[in-house]
Amino acid sequence: MAEESFGAGVKNWLVKKGLKAVVAIPPLHRRLNRKLINSYASATKVRPRPFSMAAGYTTWRGLTDRRYSGRHLPEARDYNATLPPLDDVNALFKKTEDRRATDTSLLFPFFAQWFTDSFLRTKWKEPEKQDFAENESNHEIDLCQIYGVGEEQTRMLRAMEGGRLKSQIIEGEEFPVFLFEETPEGLKPKPEFDGLYTPDNFMRVFANASDDHKRTAFAVGLEHGNSTIGNTVMNTLFLREHNRIAGELAKAHPDWDDERLFQTARNVCIVILLKIVIGDYIVHIAPADFPLMVVPGMAEKEHWYRTNWIAVEFALLYRWHDLIPASVTFNGETSNSATLRHNNALVMKLGVEKVCRDASRQLAGRIGLANTADFLLDMGVKKHSIDMARTCALPPFNDYRRHYGKDPVRSFEELTGDPVSARKLKDLYGSIDRLEWFVGIFAEGYGKREMMGELLKTMVANDAFTQALTNPLLAEAVYNAETFGAEGLEIIESTSRLAEVIQRNTSLQDPMAVGFMIRK
């Protein structure tokens, strides 16, 4: 065992040395960067997909109407009719111990939830009418978290002066403005934000909200923007970054009006987010220590350069609730992780920098079965997801492995590498070929240097690359100083990590003190 460990260590050292040598030579770096991205972007068939949630077979509406979520594989309704009871499957996710990630910090799930909530927007319907077929997504990475889902909502959030977004100063720090105001009838949304969210989404989020929650809720682009302190921190950081960039552009271009300043700052911020997603977020998910980068115009030359369309599987595979540990510690005080919800007051009290620092010093949970925090399981997050997968009649796990060019797993033991989990799954499903995809992607075992199983990682990377790098702002004809201003282009080129945005918008001196990798 010692010799094997030594051999693996030598191999890892040689790989790291080799990668560093490649990165030191820009043409080789770009070539390997393209090769790695293409390996995941080409892992399955490219869009347009023949199937969508518009019908159980190929239709013109299903090929063109993006109000319906896409889907990778056709319906498997006969298979879904034979699955084990929902409550029994849900019990697989119940936390049995507080298993933590190896090196992933709590800042990672903060960013992941905030990032994915912007485009994974399955339309809410009354329970008896819910079919999960439609979505409210723009299908783009467009920073609607701070800009809203449409131009009407964007105008509500703009200060209409200096290209800025509306903001306020609390204890010396810039935050979004509040959504509610005191009236004789109690707390009501400010009239200026009438229509910021659809009535259904507003009621779903705020109908039963406490006055304390409403009193500290910020006016941001999405109705769930105040749901966790992670969402609040990220919204605040990118609002500050937008307003900071608008100020830099205004100094450099005194002849630009509010509209041009706003639109240019918006362009810059969206590309900054894209660079963070590829160069920081995806790099952390990938097991290889290779600095992936955004190369403008690269995707246009590839066969997978197609119109974005979010698939129902993508909306489900991101249910990474296991990343939230049983307890969290902020400002030296440890509490149940339920304290992460509806707690803008904590962010305002501690400040954005302190929350980011503390989140970067503690391990996130480990993705997998039997590790979902009790308060989340009580909210029904996994049960709802399993129900969604079944309502959408998704095929079994091994069908998806084949779809992504991978060999099917032959047993539960091979899948999990854990005899306890394997036995539970076998008791429920009998045969590995009957295993549900949603359960399988979380049951799949993985090594210490990784943060998720093989199929889940492949599906995440495939969707991330093919739907981030197709952004129109990265097109060869668009990516230039005319679009971003010379100053904005310089900011973009100097940004690759979330830590740099945090440093520019707080008092943080050392960017290594925050990040997706655990900081002690």
Protein backbone atom coordinates (compact mmCIF):
# COMPACT_ATOMS: atom_id res chain seq x y z
CA MET A 1 0.00 0.00 0.00
CA ALA A 2 2.83 2.39 0.84
CA GLU A 3 4.48 1.68 -2.53
CA GLU A 4 1.16 2.29 -4.35
CA SER A 5 0.67 5.56 -2.47
CA PHE A 6 4.22 6.63 -3.31
CA GLY A 7 3.68 5.72 -6.96
CA ALA A 8 0.45 7.71 -7.14
CA GLY A 9 2.21 10.67 -5.53
CA VAL A 10 5.02 10.56 -8.07
CA LYS A 11 2.51 10.34 -10.90
CA ASN A 12 0.59 13.36 -9.60
CA TRP A 13 3.83 15.31 -9.22
CA LEU A 14 4.85 14.52 -12.80
CA VAL A 15 1.40 15.50 -14.11
CA LYS A 16 1.54 18.84 -12.25
CA LYS A 17 5.06 19.54 -13.53
CA GLY A 18 3.96 18.68 -17.07
CA LEU A 19 0.88 20.91 -16.86
CA LYS A 20 2.94 23.82 -15.53
CA ALA A 21 5.32 23.41 -18.46
CA VAL A 22 2.40 23.48 -20.91
CA VAL A 23 0.81 26.54 -19.28
CA ALA A 24 4.13 28.40 -19.54
CA ILE A 25 3.89 28.19 -23.36
CA PRO A 26 0.76 30.14 -24.45
CA PRO A 27 0.15 28.32 -27.79
CA LEU A 28 0.36 24.92 -26.02
CA HIS A 29 -1.86 26.18 -23.20
CA ARG A 30 -4.53 27.31 -25.66
CA ARG A 31 -4.31 24.03 -27.59
CA LEU A 32 -4.70 21.85 -24.50
CA ASN A 33 -7.40 24.17 -23.17
CA ARG A 34 -9.37 23.67 -26.39
CA LYS A 35 -8.79 19.91 -26.32
CA LEU A 36 -10.01 19.54 -22.73
CA ILE A 37 -13.08 21.69 -23.32
CA ASN A 38 -13.95 19.80 -26.51
CA SER A 39 -13.61 16.44 -24.76
CA TYR A 40 -16.50 17.39 -22.44
CA ALA A 41 -18.46 19.53 -24.90
CA SER A 42 -18.51 16.58 -27.32
CA ALA A 43 -19.40 13.98 -24.67
CA THR A 44 -22.90 13.59 -26.11
CA LYS A 45 -24.95 14.63 -29.13
CA VAL A 46 -25.08 18.36 -29.79
CA ARG A 47 -28.17 20.54 -29.80
CA PRO A 48 -30.79 20.75 -31.20
CA ARG A 49 -32.04 17.75 -29.25
CA PRO A 50 -34.89 15.74 -30.80
CA PHE A 51 -36.78 15.69 -27.49
CA SER A 52 -38.19 18.31 -25.16
CA MET A 53 -40.86 18.55 -22.48
CA ALA A 54 -43.32 19.84 -25.10
CA ALA A 55 -44.25 16.25 -26.06
CA GLY A 56 -43.14 12.66 -25.61
CA TYR A 57 -41.90 12.57 -29.22
CA THR A 58 -40.26 14.97 -31.67
CA THR A 59 -42.44 17.95 -32.67
CA TRP A 60 -41.81 21.31 -34.31
CA ARG A 61 -42.87 23.04 -31.10
CA GLY A 62 -40.43 20.88 -29.18
CA LEU A 63 -37.62 21.89 -31.52
CA THR A 64 -38.32 25.63 -31.46
CA ASP A 65 -40.30 26.71 -28.38
CA ARG A 66 -37.85 27.34 -25.54
CA ARG A 67 -40.66 27.90 -23.06
CA TYR A 68 -40.45 24.13 -22.69
CA SER A 69 -37.39 22.58 -21.07
CA GLY A 70 -35.29 20.35 -23.27
CA ARG A 71 -34.46 16.76 -22.43
CA HIS A 72 -31.56 14.49 -23.35
CA LEU A 73 -33.43 11.19 -23.65
CA PRO A 74 -37.03 10.26 -24.57
CA GLU A 75 -39.69 9.36 -22.02
CA ALA A 76 -39.58 6.01 -20.21
CA ARG A 77 -43.05 5.91 -18.64
CA ASP A 78 -43.38 2.12 -18.37
CA TYR A 79 -40.08 2.02 -16.47
CA ASN A 80 -41.14 4.83 -14.09
CA ALA A 81 -44.37 3.01 -13.24
CA THR A 82 -42.34 0.21 -11.61
CA LEU A 83 -40.10 2.29 -9.34
CA PRO A 84 -39.92 1.86 -5.53
CA PRO A 85 -41.96 4.08 -3.17
CA LEU A 86 -40.95 7.76 -3.17
CA ASP A 87 -40.50 7.92 0.61
CA ASP A 88 -38.17 4.91 0.59
CA VAL A 89 -35.95 6.49 -2.06
CA ASN A 90 -36.01 9.86 -0.30
CA ALA A 91 -34.69 8.13 2.85
CA LEU A 92 -31.47 7.29 0.98
CA PHE A 93 -30.47 10.96 1.26
CA LYS A 94 -31.06 11.35 5.01
CA LYS A 95 -27.85 12.41 6.73
CA THR A 96 -26.29 9.63 8.80
CA GLU A 97 -23.13 11.59 9.64
CA ASP A 98 -21.75 15.03 8.84
CA ARG A 99 -19.46 14.05 5.94
CA ARG A 100 -17.38 16.93 4.67
CA ALA A 101 -15.64 17.57 1.36
CA THR A 102 -11.88 17.16 1.11
CA ASP A 103 -10.96 20.68 0.02
CA THR A 104 -14.15 22.45 -1.10
CA SER A 105 -15.06 25.49 0.95
CA LEU A 106 -18.56 26.68 1.87
CA LEU A 107 -18.05 29.58 -0.55
CA PHE A 108 -18.42 27.09 -3.43
CA PRO A 109 -22.09 26.15 -2.76
CA PHE A 110 -22.81 29.83 -2.06
CA PHE A 111 -21.69 30.63 -5.60
CA ALA A 112 -23.12 27.46 -7.18
CA GLN A 113 -26.67 28.08 -5.96
CA TRP A 114 -26.61 31.74 -6.90
CA PHE A 115 -25.15 31.02 -10.33
CA THR A 116 -27.49 28.18 -11.32
CA ASP A 117 -30.66 29.79 -9.97
CA SER A 118 -30.36 32.30 -12.82
CA PHE A 119 -30.99 29.81 -15.63
CA LEU A 120 -32.50 26.73 -13.96
CA ARG A 121 -35.98 28.18 -13.67
CA THR A 122 -38.62 25.46 -13.94
CA LYS A 123 -42.00 27.18 -13.99
CA TRP A 124 -43.93 26.92 -10.75
CA LYS A 125 -47.51 25.67 -10.98
CA GLU A 126 -50.10 24.56 -8.48
CA PRO A 127 -49.19 21.03 -7.23
CA GLU A 128 -52.11 19.34 -8.98
CA LYS A 129 -51.11 21.00 -12.29
CA GLN A 130 -47.34 20.65 -12.01
CA ASP A 131 -45.83 18.76 -14.93
CA PHE A 132 -42.36 20.41 -14.89
CA ALA A 133 -42.65 20.90 -18.66
CA GLU A 134 -42.27 24.66 -18.85
CA ASN A 135 -39.54 27.00 -17.66
CA GLU A 136 -39.03 30.72 -17.14
CA SER A 137 -35.37 30.69 -18.11
CA ASN A 138 -33.64 33.04 -20.53
CA HIS A 139 -31.37 30.03 -21.24
CA GLU A 140 -28.38 32.35 -20.98
CA ILE A 141 -25.76 33.31 -18.42
CA ASP A 142 -26.90 36.92 -18.31
CA LEU A 143 -26.57 37.97 -14.66
CA CYS A 144 -30.34 38.26 -14.34
CA GLN A 145 -29.62 37.76 -10.63
CA ILE A 146 -28.89 41.50 -10.46
CA TYR A 147 -30.40 42.76 -13.73
CA GLY A 148 -33.78 40.99 -13.72
CA VAL A 149 -35.29 38.59 -16.25
CA GLY A 150 -36.30 41.25 -18.81
CA GLU A 151 -35.73 44.87 -19.77
CA GLU A 152 -38.78 46.07 -17.84
CA GLN A 153 -37.38 44.52 -14.66
CA THR A 154 -33.91 45.86 -15.44
CA ARG A 155 -35.21 49.43 -15.58
CA MET A 156 -36.81 49.03 -12.14
CA LEU A 157 -33.40 48.11 -10.70
CA ARG A 158 -31.44 50.90 -12.40
CA ALA A 159 -30.59 54.17 -10.70
CA MET A 160 -30.90 55.89 -14.12
CA GLU A 161 -27.85 57.94 -13.30
CA GLY A 162 -24.20 57.27 -14.09
CA GLY A 163 -24.98 53.79 -15.43
CA ARG A 164 -25.50 52.51 -11.91
CA LEU A 165 -27.87 50.06 -10.24
CA LYS A 166 -29.93 51.27 -7.27
CA SER A 167 -28.06 50.81 -4.01
CA GLN A 168 -27.83 52.05 -0.43
CA ILE A 169 -25.10 52.38 2.19
CA ILE A 170 -25.48 50.38 5.43
CA GLU A 171 -22.74 50.71 8.06
CA GLY A 172 -20.37 52.01 5.39
CA GLU A 173 -21.05 49.16 2.95
CA GLU A 174 -22.96 49.23 -0.33
CA PHE A 175 -25.98 46.93 -0.63
CA PRO A 176 -29.03 46.69 -2.92
CA VAL A 177 -31.99 48.82 -1.83
CA PHE A 178 -34.78 47.27 0.21
CA LEU A 179 -37.74 45.67 -1.55
CA PHE A 180 -40.40 46.46 1.09
CA GLU A 181 -41.48 49.61 2.87
CA GLU A 182 -43.57 50.32 5.96
CA THR A 183 -47.17 51.36 5.24
CA PRO A 184 -50.25 51.81 7.48
CA GLU A 185 -51.28 48.31 6.31
CA GLY A 186 -47.91 46.84 7.21
CA LEU A 187 -44.88 45.95 5.09
CA LYS A 188 -45.62 46.21 1.37
CA PRO A 189 -43.42 46.03 -1.75
CA LYS A 190 -42.32 49.47 -2.86
CA PRO A 191 -44.42 50.70 -5.82
CA GLU A 192 -41.27 51.19 -7.89
CA PHE A 193 -40.81 47.41 -7.89
CA ASP A 194 -44.33 46.50 -8.96
CA GLY A 195 -43.83 43.79 -11.60
CA LEU A 196 -40.26 42.95 -10.64
CA TYR A 197 -41.39 39.34 -10.12
CA THR A 198 -44.42 37.51 -11.49
CA PRO A 199 -47.35 37.46 -9.03
CA ASP A 200 -47.09 33.68 -8.68
CA ASN A 201 -43.37 33.76 -7.91
CA PHE A 202 -43.73 36.67 -5.51
CA MET A 203 -46.47 34.89 -3.55
CA ARG A 204 -44.57 31.62 -3.52
CA VAL A 205 -41.56 33.30 -1.92
CA PHE A 206 -43.08 36.01 0.27
CA ALA A 207 -46.67 34.95 1.09
CA ASN A 208 -45.61 33.39 4.40
CA ALA A 209 -42.45 35.41 4.97
CA SER A 210 -41.98 36.95 8.41
CA ASP A 211 -41.82 40.70 8.85
CA ASP A 212 -38.16 40.34 9.87
CA HIS A 213 -37.40 38.63 6.57
CA LYS A 214 -39.36 41.21 4.55
CA ARG A 215 -37.78 44.11 6.43
CA THR A 216 -34.29 43.06 5.31
CA ALA A 217 -35.16 41.74 1.83
CA PHE A 218 -33.29 43.45 -0.99
CA ALA A 219 -34.68 44.35 -4.42
CA VAL A 220 -32.68 42.09 -6.72
CA GLY A 221 -33.21 40.44 -10.09
CA LEU A 222 -34.75 37.14 -8.97
CA GLU A 223 -37.49 36.32 -6.48
CA HIS A 224 -35.18 33.87 -4.65
CA GLY A 225 -32.41 36.42 -4.32
CA ASN A 226 -32.87 36.75 -0.55
CA SER A 227 -33.33 33.06 0.21
CA THR A 228 -29.80 32.40 1.53
CA ILE A 229 -26.87 34.45 2.74
CA GLY A 230 -24.92 33.02 -0.21
CA ASN A 231 -27.36 34.57 -2.68
CA THR A 232 -27.25 37.87 -0.82
CA VAL A 233 -23.44 37.99 -0.73
CA MET A 234 -23.11 37.21 -4.45
CA ASN A 235 -25.83 39.67 -5.47
CA THR A 236 -24.17 42.36 -3.38
CA LEU A 237 -20.69 41.68 -4.76
CA PHE A 238 -21.80 41.84 -8.39
CA LEU A 239 -23.96 44.92 -7.78
CA ARG A 240 -20.89 46.62 -6.31
CA GLU A 241 -18.77 45.44 -9.22
CA HIS A 242 -21.28 46.81 -11.73
CA ASN A 243 -21.42 50.19 -10.01
CA ARG A 244 -17.64 50.31 -9.61
CA ILE A 245 -17.12 49.58 -13.33
CA ALA A 246 -19.77 52.15 -14.29
CA GLY A 247 -17.80 54.69 -12.25
CA GLU A 248 -14.52 53.78 -13.99
CA LEU A 249 -16.16 54.08 -17.39
CA ALA A 250 -17.75 57.43 -16.48
CA LYS A 251 -14.33 58.84 -15.54
CA ALA A 252 -12.78 57.63 -18.78
CA HIS A 253 -15.73 58.65 -20.99
CA PRO A 254 -17.39 61.83 -19.66
CA ASP A 255 -19.32 62.11 -22.94
CA TRP A 256 -21.14 58.79 -22.41
CA ASP A 257 -24.73 59.01 -21.15
CA ASP A 258 -26.34 56.85 -18.48
CA GLU A 259 -27.60 54.33 -21.01
CA ARG A 260 -24.22 53.62 -22.58
CA LEU A 261 -22.49 53.49 -19.21
CA PHE A 262 -25.04 51.01 -17.90
CA GLN A 263 -25.06 48.76 -20.95
CA THR A 264 -21.27 48.67 -21.18
CA ALA A 265 -20.83 47.92 -17.46
CA ARG A 266 -23.42 45.18 -17.83
CA ASN A 267 -21.49 43.65 -20.75
CA VAL A 268 -18.28 43.69 -18.71
CA CYS A 269 -19.88 42.08 -15.64
CA ILE A 270 -21.46 39.26 -17.65
CA VAL A 271 -18.11 38.31 -19.19
CA ILE A 272 -16.41 38.54 -15.78
CA LEU A 273 -18.95 35.98 -14.55
CA LEU A 274 -18.28 33.74 -17.56
CA LYS A 275 -14.55 33.86 -16.85
CA ILE A 276 -15.10 32.95 -13.20
CA VAL A 277 -17.37 30.05 -14.19
CA ILE A 278 -14.78 28.54 -16.53
CA GLY A 279 -11.52 29.59 -14.87
CA ASP A 280 -12.45 29.16 -11.19
CA TYR A 281 -15.70 27.24 -10.69
CA ILE A 282 -15.27 24.49 -13.32
CA VAL A 283 -11.54 24.27 -12.60
CA HIS A 284 -12.40 23.45 -8.98
CA ILE A 285 -14.87 20.75 -10.05
CA ALA A 286 -12.36 19.16 -12.43
CA PRO A 287 -9.83 16.81 -10.79
CA ALA A 288 -6.88 18.02 -12.91
CA ASP A 289 -4.98 21.11 -11.78
CA PHE A 290 -5.18 22.80 -15.17
CA PRO A 291 -6.03 26.50 -15.61
CA LEU A 292 -8.93 26.42 -18.05
CA MET A 293 -9.59 29.74 -19.73
CA VAL A 294 -12.15 31.56 -21.84
CA VAL A 295 -10.82 32.13 -25.36
CA PRO A 296 -13.17 34.54 -27.19
CA GLY A 297 -14.22 33.20 -30.59
CA MET A 298 -13.03 29.65 -29.87
CA ALA A 299 -16.50 28.11 -29.60
CA GLU A 300 -17.61 29.52 -32.97
CA LYS A 301 -15.22 27.12 -34.67
CA GLU A 302 -16.63 24.05 -32.92
CA HIS A 303 -19.45 21.74 -34.01
CA TRP A 304 -21.24 22.19 -30.67
CA TYR A 305 -21.73 25.96 -31.13
CA ARG A 306 -25.54 26.02 -30.95
CA THR A 307 -28.41 28.01 -29.43
CA ASN A 308 -28.63 27.51 -25.67
CA TRP A 309 -31.49 25.41 -24.35
CA ILE A 310 -31.66 24.24 -20.72
CA ALA A 311 -32.60 20.58 -20.34
CA VAL A 312 -34.70 19.17 -17.51
CA GLU A 313 -31.79 16.87 -16.57
CA PHE A 314 -29.55 19.91 -16.11
CA ALA A 315 -32.10 21.45 -13.75
CA LEU A 316 -32.10 18.25 -11.69
CA LEU A 317 -28.42 17.32 -11.61
CA TYR A 318 -27.64 20.60 -9.85
CA ARG A 319 -29.54 19.60 -6.70
CA TRP A 320 -26.30 19.72 -4.69
CA HIS A 321 -27.97 20.14 -1.30
CA ASP A 322 -25.38 17.76 0.20
CA LEU A 323 -22.79 20.54 -0.08
CA ILE A 324 -24.47 22.23 2.88
CA PRO A 325 -23.00 20.77 6.09
CA ALA A 326 -24.92 20.09 9.30
CA SER A 327 -23.48 23.18 10.99
CA VAL A 328 -21.77 26.41 9.99
CA THR A 329 -19.56 28.89 11.82
CA PHE A 330 -19.60 32.65 11.36
CA ASN A 331 -17.83 35.19 13.55
CA GLY A 332 -16.76 32.37 15.86
CA GLU A 333 -20.31 31.18 16.52
CA THR A 334 -21.38 27.71 15.35
CA SER A 335 -25.04 27.06 14.58
CA ASN A 336 -27.31 24.73 12.64
CA SER A 337 -26.91 25.31 8.91
CA ALA A 338 -30.56 26.36 8.71
CA THR A 339 -29.20 29.75 9.79
CA LEU A 340 -28.08 30.22 6.17
CA ARG A 341 -31.71 30.80 5.13
CA HIS A 342 -33.46 34.18 5.15
CA ASN A 343 -30.65 35.87 7.05
CA ASN A 344 -29.71 39.10 5.32
CA ALA A 345 -29.35 40.57 8.80
CA LEU A 346 -26.25 38.42 9.34
CA VAL A 347 -24.64 39.69 6.14
CA MET A 348 -25.37 43.30 7.05
CA LYS A 349 -24.04 42.76 10.57
CA LEU A 350 -20.80 40.99 9.65
CA GLY A 351 -20.20 42.52 6.24
CA VAL A 352 -19.60 40.81 2.90
CA GLU A 353 -15.86 40.36 3.39
CA LYS A 354 -16.23 38.67 6.77
CA VAL A 355 -18.90 36.27 5.46
CA CYS A 356 -16.69 35.36 2.48
CA ARG A 357 -13.65 34.86 4.71
CA ASP A 358 -15.51 32.67 7.17
CA ALA A 359 -17.13 30.64 4.37
CA SER A 360 -13.69 30.08 2.84
CA ARG A 361 -12.32 28.69 6.11
CA GLN A 362 -14.84 25.85 6.54
CA LEU A 363 -15.43 22.72 4.53
CA ALA A 364 -18.59 22.24 2.54
CA GLY A 365 -20.45 18.96 2.73
CA ARG A 366 -19.61 16.00 0.51
CA ILE A 367 -21.87 15.27 -2.46
CA GLY A 368 -23.50 11.86 -2.14
CA LEU A 369 -26.22 9.79 -0.53
CA ALA A 370 -26.96 9.98 3.21
CA ASN A 371 -25.60 13.50 3.56
CA THR A 372 -28.45 15.99 3.12
CA ALA A 373 -28.91 18.35 6.07
CA ASP A 374 -32.06 17.63 8.08
CA PHE A 375 -33.64 21.05 7.54
CA LEU A 376 -33.30 20.66 3.77
CA LEU A 377 -34.71 17.14 3.79
CA ASP A 378 -37.60 18.41 5.93
CA MET A 379 -38.25 21.04 3.23
CA GLY A 380 -38.65 18.19 0.75
CA VAL A 381 -35.82 19.21 -1.57
CA LYS A 382 -34.84 15.65 -2.51
CA LYS A 383 -38.37 14.27 -2.50
CA HIS A 384 -39.46 17.05 -4.83
CA SER A 385 -36.50 16.31 -7.13
CA ILE A 386 -37.24 12.57 -7.29
CA ASP A 387 -40.88 13.36 -8.00
CA MET A 388 -39.84 15.76 -10.77
CA ALA A 389 -37.60 13.14 -12.39
CA ARG A 390 -40.44 10.59 -12.29
CA THR A 391 -43.06 13.02 -13.58
CA CYS A 392 -40.73 13.78 -16.49
CA ALA A 393 -40.37 10.00 -17.03
CA LEU A 394 -36.58 10.06 -17.14
CA PRO A 395 -34.89 6.79 -18.19
CA PRO A 396 -32.63 4.83 -15.80
CA PHE A 397 -29.07 5.67 -14.81
CA ASN A 398 -27.29 3.30 -17.18
CA ASP A 399 -29.17 4.74 -20.16
CA TYR A 400 -27.57 8.09 -19.41
CA ARG A 401 -24.12 6.52 -19.08
CA ARG A 402 -24.52 5.07 -22.55
CA HIS A 403 -25.83 8.41 -23.85
CA TYR A 404 -22.60 10.05 -22.65
CA GLY A 405 -20.40 7.38 -24.21
CA LYS A 406 -19.64 5.50 -20.99
CA ASP A 407 -19.92 1.83 -20.20
CA PRO A 408 -22.91 0.91 -18.04
CA VAL A 409 -22.08 -0.08 -14.48
CA ARG A 410 -22.61 -3.78 -13.80
CA SER A 411 -23.49 -3.79 -10.10
CA PHE A 412 -24.35 -1.54 -7.17
CA GLU A 413 -20.99 -2.39 -5.63
CA GLU A 414 -19.19 -1.17 -8.76
CA LEU A 415 -21.30 1.98 -8.75
CA THR A 416 -20.79 3.02 -5.14
CA GLY A 417 -17.62 1.32 -3.95
CA ASP A 418 -19.46 1.15 -0.62
CA PRO A 419 -21.10 -2.11 0.53
CA VAL A 420 -23.61 -0.36 2.83
CA SER A 421 -24.96 1.95 0.10
CA ALA A 422 -24.84 -0.88 -2.43
CA ARG A 423 -27.00 -3.09 -0.20
CA LYS A 424 -29.60 -0.35 0.36
CA LEU A 425 -29.84 0.32 -3.37
CA LYS A 426 -30.09 -3.37 -4.21
CA ASP A 427 -32.87 -3.84 -1.67
CA LEU A 428 -34.84 -1.04 -3.33
CA TYR A 429 -34.15 -1.59 -7.02
CA GLY A 430 -33.10 -5.23 -7.31
CA SER A 431 -31.19 -4.76 -10.56
CA ILE A 432 -28.63 -2.05 -11.35
CA ASP A 433 -30.42 -1.50 -14.67
CA ARG A 434 -33.54 -0.33 -12.76
CA LEU A 435 -31.65 2.35 -10.80
CA GLU A 436 -33.06 5.86 -11.23
CA TRP A 437 -30.76 8.40 -12.87
CA PHE A 438 -31.29 11.05 -10.17
CA VAL A 439 -30.30 8.58 -7.44
CA GLY A 440 -27.44 7.12 -9.45
CA ILE A 441 -25.60 10.38 -10.03
CA PHE A 442 -25.39 10.92 -6.27
CA ALA A 443 -24.69 7.26 -5.44
CA GLU A 444 -21.72 7.03 -7.81
CA GLY A 445 -18.46 6.75 -5.89
CA TYR A 446 -15.46 9.02 -6.50
CA GLY A 447 -11.93 9.59 -5.24
CA LYS A 448 -10.65 11.93 -2.55
CA ARG A 449 -9.31 14.45 -5.06
CA GLU A 450 -12.67 14.67 -6.79
CA MET A 451 -15.94 16.27 -5.70
CA MET A 452 -18.52 14.22 -7.61
CA GLY A 453 -18.98 11.01 -9.60
CA GLU A 454 -17.96 10.47 -13.22
CA LEU A 455 -21.35 10.85 -14.92
CA LEU A 456 -22.37 13.88 -12.85
CA LYS A 457 -19.05 15.62 -13.57
CA THR A 458 -19.33 14.88 -17.29
CA MET A 459 -22.88 16.20 -17.52
CA VAL A 460 -22.02 19.35 -15.58
CA ALA A 461 -18.99 20.09 -17.75
CA ASN A 462 -20.80 19.31 -20.99
CA ASP A 463 -23.64 21.72 -20.22
CA ALA A 464 -21.38 24.37 -18.68
CA PHE A 465 -19.01 24.57 -21.66
CA THR A 466 -21.66 24.35 -24.37
CA GLN A 467 -23.91 26.95 -22.72
CA ALA A 468 -21.32 29.37 -21.33
CA LEU A 469 -18.88 29.60 -24.21
CA THR A 470 -21.70 30.20 -26.71
CA ASN A 471 -22.51 33.51 -25.02
CA PRO A 472 -22.81 36.23 -27.70
CA LEU A 473 -20.45 38.53 -25.78
CA LEU A 474 -17.65 36.02 -26.44
CA ALA A 475 -18.18 36.05 -30.21
CA GLU A 476 -15.15 37.14 -32.21
CA ALA A 477 -17.01 40.07 -33.77
CA VAL A 478 -18.35 41.26 -30.40
CA TYR A 479 -15.43 40.79 -28.00
CA ASN A 480 -13.61 44.12 -28.40
CA ALA A 481 -13.05 47.55 -26.85
CA GLU A 482 -16.12 48.93 -28.63
CA THR A 483 -18.33 46.53 -26.64
CA PHE A 484 -16.59 46.85 -23.27
CA GLY A 485 -14.58 50.06 -23.44
CA ALA A 486 -10.79 49.77 -23.25
CA GLU A 487 -11.06 50.07 -19.47
CA GLY A 488 -13.71 47.34 -19.24
CA LEU A 489 -11.67 45.06 -21.47
CA GLU A 490 -8.69 45.50 -19.17
CA ILE A 491 -10.82 44.57 -16.14
CA ILE A 492 -12.09 41.46 -17.94
CA GLU A 493 -8.61 40.35 -18.95
CA SER A 494 -7.33 40.74 -15.40
CA THR A 495 -10.11 38.64 -13.83
CA SER A 496 -10.30 34.85 -13.59
CA ARG A 497 -11.28 34.15 -9.97
CA LEU A 498 -14.15 35.16 -7.71
CA ALA A 499 -11.54 36.26 -5.15
CA GLU A 500 -10.57 39.15 -7.43
CA VAL A 501 -14.14 40.47 -7.48
CA ILE A 502 -14.27 40.16 -3.68
CA GLN A 503 -10.97 42.01 -3.32
CA ARG A 504 -12.06 44.87 -5.59
CA ASN A 505 -15.33 45.38 -3.70
CA THR A 506 -14.37 44.92 -0.04
CA SER A 507 -11.39 45.80 2.15
CA LEU A 508 -9.84 42.39 1.46
CA GLN A 509 -6.07 42.68 1.04
CA ASP A 510 -5.12 39.05 0.39
CA PRO A 511 -7.17 37.36 -2.38
CA MET A 512 -5.80 33.99 -1.26
CA ALA A 513 -7.86 34.36 1.93
CA VAL A 514 -11.06 33.57 0.02
CA GLY A 515 -11.98 31.01 -2.61
CA PHE A 516 -13.56 27.69 -3.53
CA MET A 517 -10.55 25.81 -2.17
CA ILE A 518 -10.55 25.57 1.62
CA ARG A 519 -8.57 28.30 3.35
CA LYS A 520 -7.44 27.55 6.90
